Amino acid sequence: MTAANAAAAQTSVDAARPQSKGRPTPKRRDAEAANRRPLVQDTRGKSPEQKAKIRADRAKARDGMMRGEEKYLMERDRGPERRFLRDAVDVRWNTGEILLPAMVIILALSLLPYQWSRSLFLLAYGVMIFGIVDAWLLWRRTRTRFVQAFGREPGRGSAWYVVLRSFQMRSSRVPRPAVKRGEELHRR
């Protein structure tokens, strides 16, 4: 949609229909073209100083996100409620944290040419079931604490947020844990 078409669409208001939006609905191709922008910033025509500034801005944003600064966090991680949920996971040991390293060890041991090594998969299933039960108990406890702290039920998707974070190894969580294990959990 060109600028002239946009201006013409804005000025053609029908006074007989005050409830209308005051402009015609744009064609799909025009609306999509207005929203189209590149996924990756094009740096071919930029000077080395501009490229260095872009790299520095990206590094600053990544560091801010890892530290948990609100303005750099993704939308799903923002707000005091999500911080509370993250802290509820990070304040304790979770079975899900050891699940990936345990699976790698079990897989490596199962390749040994001994009969007992093939029965290790039962141990893997046991660890998985224990991790699922632990995550379920963590969610129930976190939901109760959330209601006490905020006076309402957690929002939609909060259960998955807590469970999936509990299955990540502590060192790979984004944003990084802001509390130490064993600290008292409180609303910040």
C-alpha atoms as a PDB file:
ATOM      1  CA  MET A   1       0.000   0.000   0.000  1.00  0.00           C
ATOM      2  CA  THR A   2       1.527   3.294  -1.032  1.00  0.00           C
ATOM      3  CA  ALA A   3       1.474   6.428   1.072  1.00  0.00           C
ATOM      4  CA  ALA A   4      -1.053   8.076  -1.243  1.00  0.00           C
ATOM      5  CA  ASN A   5      -3.420   5.099  -0.965  1.00  0.00           C
ATOM      6  CA  ALA A   6      -3.080   5.118   2.816  1.00  0.00           C
ATOM      7  CA  ALA A   7      -3.833   8.824   3.013  1.00  0.00           C
ATOM      8  CA  ALA A   8      -6.850   8.456   0.706  1.00  0.00           C
ATOM      9  CA  ALA A   9      -8.142   5.528   2.781  1.00  0.00           C
ATOM     10  CA  GLN A  10      -7.872   7.573   5.987  1.00  0.00           C
ATOM     11  CA  THR A  11      -9.683  10.626   4.589  1.00  0.00           C
ATOM     12  CA  SER A  12     -12.640   8.729   3.136  1.00  0.00           C
ATOM     13  CA  VAL A  13     -14.806   8.600   6.273  1.00  0.00           C
ATOM     14  CA  ASP A  14     -18.502   7.911   5.832  1.00  0.00           C
ATOM     15  CA  ALA A  15     -20.405  10.260   8.179  1.00  0.00           C
ATOM     16  CA  ALA A  16     -23.555   8.173   7.808  1.00  0.00           C
ATOM     17  CA  ARG A  17     -21.862   5.238   9.566  1.00  0.00           C
ATOM     18  CA  PRO A  18     -20.301   6.514  12.833  1.00  0.00           C
ATOM     19  CA  GLN A  19     -19.813   2.953  14.155  1.00  0.00           C
ATOM     20  CA  SER A  20     -17.538   2.001  11.256  1.00  0.00           C
ATOM     21  CA  LYS A  21     -13.760   2.083  11.497  1.00  0.00           C
ATOM     22  CA  GLY A  22     -13.626   4.938   8.994  1.00  0.00           C
ATOM     23  CA  ARG A  23     -11.529   3.279   6.306  1.00  0.00           C
ATOM     24  CA  PRO A  24     -11.818   0.326   3.961  1.00  0.00           C
ATOM     25  CA  THR A  25     -10.250  -2.993   4.919  1.00  0.00           C
ATOM     26  CA  PRO A  26      -6.882  -3.299   3.180  1.00  0.00           C
ATOM     27  CA  LYS A  27      -6.237  -6.156   0.788  1.00  0.00           C
ATOM     28  CA  ARG A  28      -4.401  -9.071   2.328  1.00  0.00           C
ATOM     29  CA  ARG A  29      -1.322  -8.607   0.127  1.00  0.00           C
ATOM     30  CA  ASP A  30      -1.107  -4.949   1.146  1.00  0.00           C
ATOM     31  CA  ALA A  31      -1.417  -5.747   4.852  1.00  0.00           C
ATOM     32  CA  GLU A  32       1.198  -8.510   4.614  1.00  0.00           C
ATOM     33  CA  ALA A  33       3.555  -6.258   2.658  1.00  0.00           C
ATOM     34  CA  ALA A  34       3.276  -3.586   5.372  1.00  0.00           C
ATOM     35  CA  ASN A  35       4.235  -6.135   8.044  1.00  0.00           C
ATOM     36  CA  ARG A  36       7.102  -7.692   6.091  1.00  0.00           C
ATOM     37  CA  ARG A  37      10.568  -7.096   7.481  1.00  0.00           C
ATOM     38  CA  PRO A  38      13.727  -9.203   7.378  1.00  0.00           C
ATOM     39  CA  LEU A  39      14.373 -11.790  10.079  1.00  0.00           C
ATOM     40  CA  VAL A  40      18.083 -11.010  10.130  1.00  0.00           C
ATOM     41  CA  GLN A  41      19.378  -7.482   9.924  1.00  0.00           C
ATOM     42  CA  ASP A  42      21.196  -6.806   6.649  1.00  0.00           C
ATOM     43  CA  THR A  43      24.698  -5.538   7.379  1.00  0.00           C
ATOM     44  CA  ARG A  44      26.148  -5.626   3.857  1.00  0.00           C
ATOM     45  CA  GLY A  45      25.997  -1.867   3.332  1.00  0.00           C
ATOM     46  CA  LYS A  46      27.044  -0.961   6.868  1.00  0.00           C
ATOM     47  CA  SER A  47      30.408   0.371   7.917  1.00  0.00           C
ATOM     48  CA  PRO A  48      32.619  -1.611  10.302  1.00  0.00           C
ATOM     49  CA  GLU A  49      31.719   0.834  13.102  1.00  0.00           C
ATOM     50  CA  GLN A  50      28.009   0.242  12.563  1.00  0.00           C
ATOM     51  CA  LYS A  51      28.544  -3.526  12.514  1.00  0.00           C
ATOM     52  CA  ALA A  52      30.519  -3.316  15.761  1.00  0.00           C
ATOM     53  CA  LYS A  53      27.715  -1.270  17.348  1.00  0.00           C
ATOM     54  CA  ILE A  54      25.117  -3.847  16.259  1.00  0.00           C
ATOM     55  CA  ARG A  55      27.262  -6.669  17.719  1.00  0.00           C
ATOM     56  CA  ALA A  56      27.718  -4.720  20.970  1.00  0.00           C
ATOM     57  CA  ASP A  57      23.971  -4.070  21.232  1.00  0.00           C
ATOM     58  CA  ARG A  58      23.219  -7.763  20.705  1.00  0.00           C
ATOM     59  CA  ALA A  59      25.810  -8.781  23.315  1.00  0.00           C
ATOM     60  CA  LYS A  60      24.373  -6.250  25.789  1.00  0.00           C
ATOM     61  CA  ALA A  61      20.849  -7.567  25.204  1.00  0.00           C
ATOM     62  CA  ARG A  62      21.986 -11.181  25.649  1.00  0.00           C
ATOM     63  CA  ASP A  63      23.850 -10.392  28.861  1.00  0.00           C
ATOM     64  CA  GLY A  64      20.828  -8.498  30.182  1.00  0.00           C
ATOM     65  CA  MET A  65      18.575 -11.433  29.348  1.00  0.00           C
ATOM     66  CA  MET A  66      20.903 -13.884  31.085  1.00  0.00           C
ATOM     67  CA  ARG A  67      20.952 -11.670  34.209  1.00  0.00           C
ATOM     68  CA  GLY A  68      17.158 -11.416  34.182  1.00  0.00           C
ATOM     69  CA  GLU A  69      16.792  -7.682  33.496  1.00  0.00           C
ATOM     70  CA  GLU A  70      13.129  -7.046  32.671  1.00  0.00           C
ATOM     71  CA  LYS A  71      13.637  -4.952  29.536  1.00  0.00           C
ATOM     72  CA  TYR A  72      15.787  -7.632  27.878  1.00  0.00           C
ATOM     73  CA  LEU A  73      13.645 -10.649  28.776  1.00  0.00           C
ATOM     74  CA  MET A  74      11.365 -12.323  26.280  1.00  0.00           C
ATOM     75  CA  GLU A  75       7.654 -11.690  26.787  1.00  0.00           C
ATOM     76  CA  ARG A  76       7.059 -15.116  28.379  1.00  0.00           C
ATOM     77  CA  ASP A  77       9.619 -14.396  31.129  1.00  0.00           C
ATOM     78  CA  ARG A  78       8.545 -10.881  32.106  1.00  0.00           C
ATOM     79  CA  GLY A  79       6.815  -9.797  35.273  1.00  0.00           C
ATOM     80  CA  PRO A  80       6.935 -10.501  38.996  1.00  0.00           C
ATOM     81  CA  GLU A  81       4.740 -13.601  38.629  1.00  0.00           C
ATOM     82  CA  ARG A  82       7.154 -15.300  36.235  1.00  0.00           C
ATOM     83  CA  ARG A  83      10.106 -14.293  38.422  1.00  0.00           C
ATOM     84  CA  PHE A  84       8.348 -15.933  41.372  1.00  0.00           C
ATOM     85  CA  LEU A  85       7.783 -19.127  39.350  1.00  0.00           C
ATOM     86  CA  ARG A  86      11.419 -19.202  38.181  1.00  0.00           C
ATOM     87  CA  ASP A  87      12.666 -18.718  41.728  1.00  0.00           C
ATOM     88  CA  ALA A  88      10.379 -21.510  42.978  1.00  0.00           C
ATOM     89  CA  VAL A  89      12.119 -23.896  40.578  1.00  0.00           C
ATOM     90  CA  ASP A  90      15.643 -22.585  41.128  1.00  0.00           C
ATOM     91  CA  VAL A  91      15.520 -22.660  44.925  1.00  0.00           C
ATOM     92  CA  ARG A  92      15.475 -26.480  45.112  1.00  0.00           C
ATOM     93  CA  TRP A  93      17.062 -29.565  43.624  1.00  0.00           C
ATOM     94  CA  ASN A  94      14.913 -31.099  40.892  1.00  0.00           C
ATOM     95  CA  THR A  95      15.046 -34.666  39.633  1.00  0.00           C
ATOM     96  CA  GLY A  96      14.636 -33.387  36.091  1.00  0.00           C
ATOM     97  CA  GLU A  97      18.011 -31.632  36.299  1.00  0.00           C
ATOM     98  CA  ILE A  98      19.879 -34.911  36.508  1.00  0.00           C
ATOM     99  CA  LEU A  99      17.721 -36.638  33.901  1.00  0.00           C
ATOM    100  CA  LEU A 100      19.824 -35.737  30.837  1.00  0.00           C
ATOM    101  CA  PRO A 101      23.212 -36.629  32.368  1.00  0.00           C
ATOM    102  CA  ALA A 102      21.715 -39.840  33.774  1.00  0.00           C
ATOM    103  CA  MET A 103      20.340 -40.803  30.359  1.00  0.00           C
ATOM    104  CA  VAL A 104      23.730 -40.236  28.703  1.00  0.00           C
ATOM    105  CA  ILE A 105      25.455 -42.419  31.306  1.00  0.00           C
ATOM    106  CA  ILE A 106      22.793 -45.124  31.025  1.00  0.00           C
ATOM    107  CA  LEU A 107      23.053 -45.098  27.224  1.00  0.00           C
ATOM    108  CA  ALA A 108      26.856 -45.395  27.374  1.00  0.00           C
ATOM    109  CA  LEU A 109      26.666 -48.267  29.881  1.00  0.00           C
ATOM    110  CA  SER A 110      24.017 -50.058  27.835  1.00  0.00           C
ATOM    111  CA  LEU A 111      26.493 -50.354  24.960  1.00  0.00           C
ATOM    112  CA  LEU A 112      28.756 -52.570  27.053  1.00  0.00           C
ATOM    113  CA  PRO A 113      28.688 -56.235  26.010  1.00  0.00           C
ATOM    114  CA  TYR A 114      27.360 -57.508  29.353  1.00  0.00           C
ATOM    115  CA  GLN A 115      23.918 -58.916  30.113  1.00  0.00           C
ATOM    116  CA  TRP A 116      23.331 -56.574  33.078  1.00  0.00           C
ATOM    117  CA  SER A 117      23.932 -53.513  30.905  1.00  0.00           C
ATOM    118  CA  ARG A 118      20.750 -54.188  28.919  1.00  0.00           C
ATOM    119  CA  SER A 119      18.592 -54.004  32.020  1.00  0.00           C
ATOM    120  CA  LEU A 120      19.748 -50.437  32.688  1.00  0.00           C
ATOM    121  CA  PHE A 121      16.851 -49.140  30.606  1.00  0.00           C
ATOM    122  CA  LEU A 122      14.555 -50.107  33.490  1.00  0.00           C
ATOM    123  CA  LEU A 123      16.581 -47.716  35.608  1.00  0.00           C
ATOM    124  CA  ALA A 124      16.117 -45.029  32.943  1.00  0.00           C
ATOM    125  CA  TYR A 125      12.346 -45.477  33.010  1.00  0.00           C
ATOM    126  CA  GLY A 126      12.392 -45.306  36.793  1.00  0.00           C
ATOM    127  CA  VAL A 127      14.321 -42.031  36.747  1.00  0.00           C
ATOM    128  CA  MET A 128      11.868 -40.605  34.178  1.00  0.00           C
ATOM    129  CA  ILE A 129       8.835 -41.563  36.250  1.00  0.00           C
ATOM    130  CA  PHE A 130      10.450 -40.177  39.390  1.00  0.00           C
ATOM    131  CA  GLY A 131      11.181 -36.920  37.522  1.00  0.00           C
ATOM    132  CA  ILE A 132       7.567 -36.616  36.362  1.00  0.00           C
ATOM    133  CA  VAL A 133       6.227 -37.191  39.873  1.00  0.00           C
ATOM    134  CA  ASP A 134       8.731 -34.698  41.276  1.00  0.00           C
ATOM    135  CA  ALA A 135       7.671 -32.064  38.700  1.00  0.00           C
ATOM    136  CA  TRP A 136       4.001 -32.638  39.518  1.00  0.00           C
ATOM    137  CA  LEU A 137       4.662 -32.202  43.246  1.00  0.00           C
ATOM    138  CA  LEU A 138       6.749 -29.099  42.514  1.00  0.00           C
ATOM    139  CA  TRP A 139       3.862 -27.558  40.554  1.00  0.00           C
ATOM    140  CA  ARG A 140       1.321 -28.254  43.284  1.00  0.00           C
ATOM    141  CA  ARG A 141       3.569 -26.701  45.925  1.00  0.00           C
ATOM    142  CA  THR A 142       4.430 -23.721  43.697  1.00  0.00           C
ATOM    143  CA  ARG A 143       0.778 -23.064  42.853  1.00  0.00           C
ATOM    144  CA  THR A 144      -0.108 -22.977  46.558  1.00  0.00           C
ATOM    145  CA  ARG A 145       2.742 -20.543  47.301  1.00  0.00           C
ATOM    146  CA  PHE A 146       1.762 -18.421  44.295  1.00  0.00           C
ATOM    147  CA  VAL A 147      -1.807 -18.064  45.583  1.00  0.00           C
ATOM    148  CA  GLN A 148      -0.469 -17.062  49.011  1.00  0.00           C
ATOM    149  CA  ALA A 149       1.894 -14.483  47.494  1.00  0.00           C
ATOM    150  CA  PHE A 150      -0.316 -12.954  44.792  1.00  0.00           C
ATOM    151  CA  GLY A 151      -3.847 -13.755  45.979  1.00  0.00           C
ATOM    152  CA  ARG A 152      -4.912 -15.408  42.724  1.00  0.00           C
ATOM    153  CA  GLU A 153      -4.286 -18.498  40.623  1.00  0.00           C
ATOM    154  CA  PRO A 154      -1.255 -18.449  38.309  1.00  0.00           C
ATOM    155  CA  GLY A 155      -1.939 -17.625  34.663  1.00  0.00           C
ATOM    156  CA  ARG A 156      -2.379 -19.995  31.802  1.00  0.00           C
ATOM    157  CA  GLY A 157       0.808 -21.818  30.830  1.00  0.00           C
ATOM    158  CA  SER A 158       2.413 -21.411  34.239  1.00  0.00           C
ATOM    159  CA  ALA A 159       2.426 -25.127  34.949  1.00  0.00           C
ATOM    160  CA  TRP A 160       4.387 -25.881  31.790  1.00  0.00           C
ATOM    161  CA  TYR A 161       6.696 -22.971  32.534  1.00  0.00           C
ATOM    162  CA  VAL A 162       7.568 -24.455  35.930  1.00  0.00           C
ATOM    163  CA  VAL A 163       7.792 -28.076  34.762  1.00  0.00           C
ATOM    164  CA  LEU A 164       9.948 -27.389  31.713  1.00  0.00           C
ATOM    165  CA  ARG A 165      12.309 -25.207  33.725  1.00  0.00           C
ATOM    166  CA  SER A 166      12.636 -27.954  36.326  1.00  0.00           C
ATOM    167  CA  PHE A 167      13.757 -30.399  33.611  1.00  0.00           C
ATOM    168  CA  GLN A 168      16.582 -28.113  32.448  1.00  0.00           C
ATOM    169  CA  MET A 169      20.016 -28.371  33.952  1.00  0.00           C
ATOM    170  CA  ARG A 170      20.590 -25.411  36.246  1.00  0.00           C
ATOM    171  CA  SER A 171      23.552 -24.093  34.241  1.00  0.00           C
ATOM    172  CA  SER A 172      21.551 -23.993  30.989  1.00  0.00           C
ATOM    173  CA  ARG A 173      18.498 -22.097  32.275  1.00  0.00           C
ATOM    174  CA  VAL A 174      17.688 -18.745  30.712  1.00  0.00           C
ATOM    175  CA  PRO A 175      17.473 -16.383  32.481  1.00  0.00           C
ATOM    176  CA  ARG A 176      20.096 -17.621  34.916  1.00  0.00           C
ATOM    177  CA  PRO A 177      18.898 -18.566  38.397  1.00  0.00           C
ATOM    178  CA  ALA A 178      18.743 -15.510  40.664  1.00  0.00           C
ATOM    179  CA  VAL A 179      18.442 -17.475  43.921  1.00  0.00           C
ATOM    180  CA  LYS A 180      20.677 -20.029  45.567  1.00  0.00           C
ATOM    181  CA  ARG A 181      19.476 -23.487  46.408  1.00  0.00           C
ATOM    182  CA  GLY A 182      17.904 -23.662  49.833  1.00  0.00           C
ATOM    183  CA  GLU A 183      17.109 -19.943  50.116  1.00  0.00           C
ATOM    184  CA  GLU A 184      13.764 -18.878  51.506  1.00  0.00           C
ATOM    185  CA  LEU A 185      11.324 -18.202  48.670  1.00  0.00           C
ATOM    186  CA  HIS A 186       9.511 -14.870  48.892  1.00  0.00           C
ATOM    187  CA  ARG A 187       7.867 -12.397  46.556  1.00  0.00           C
ATOM    188  CA  ARG A 188      10.371  -9.831  45.234  1.00  0.00           C
END
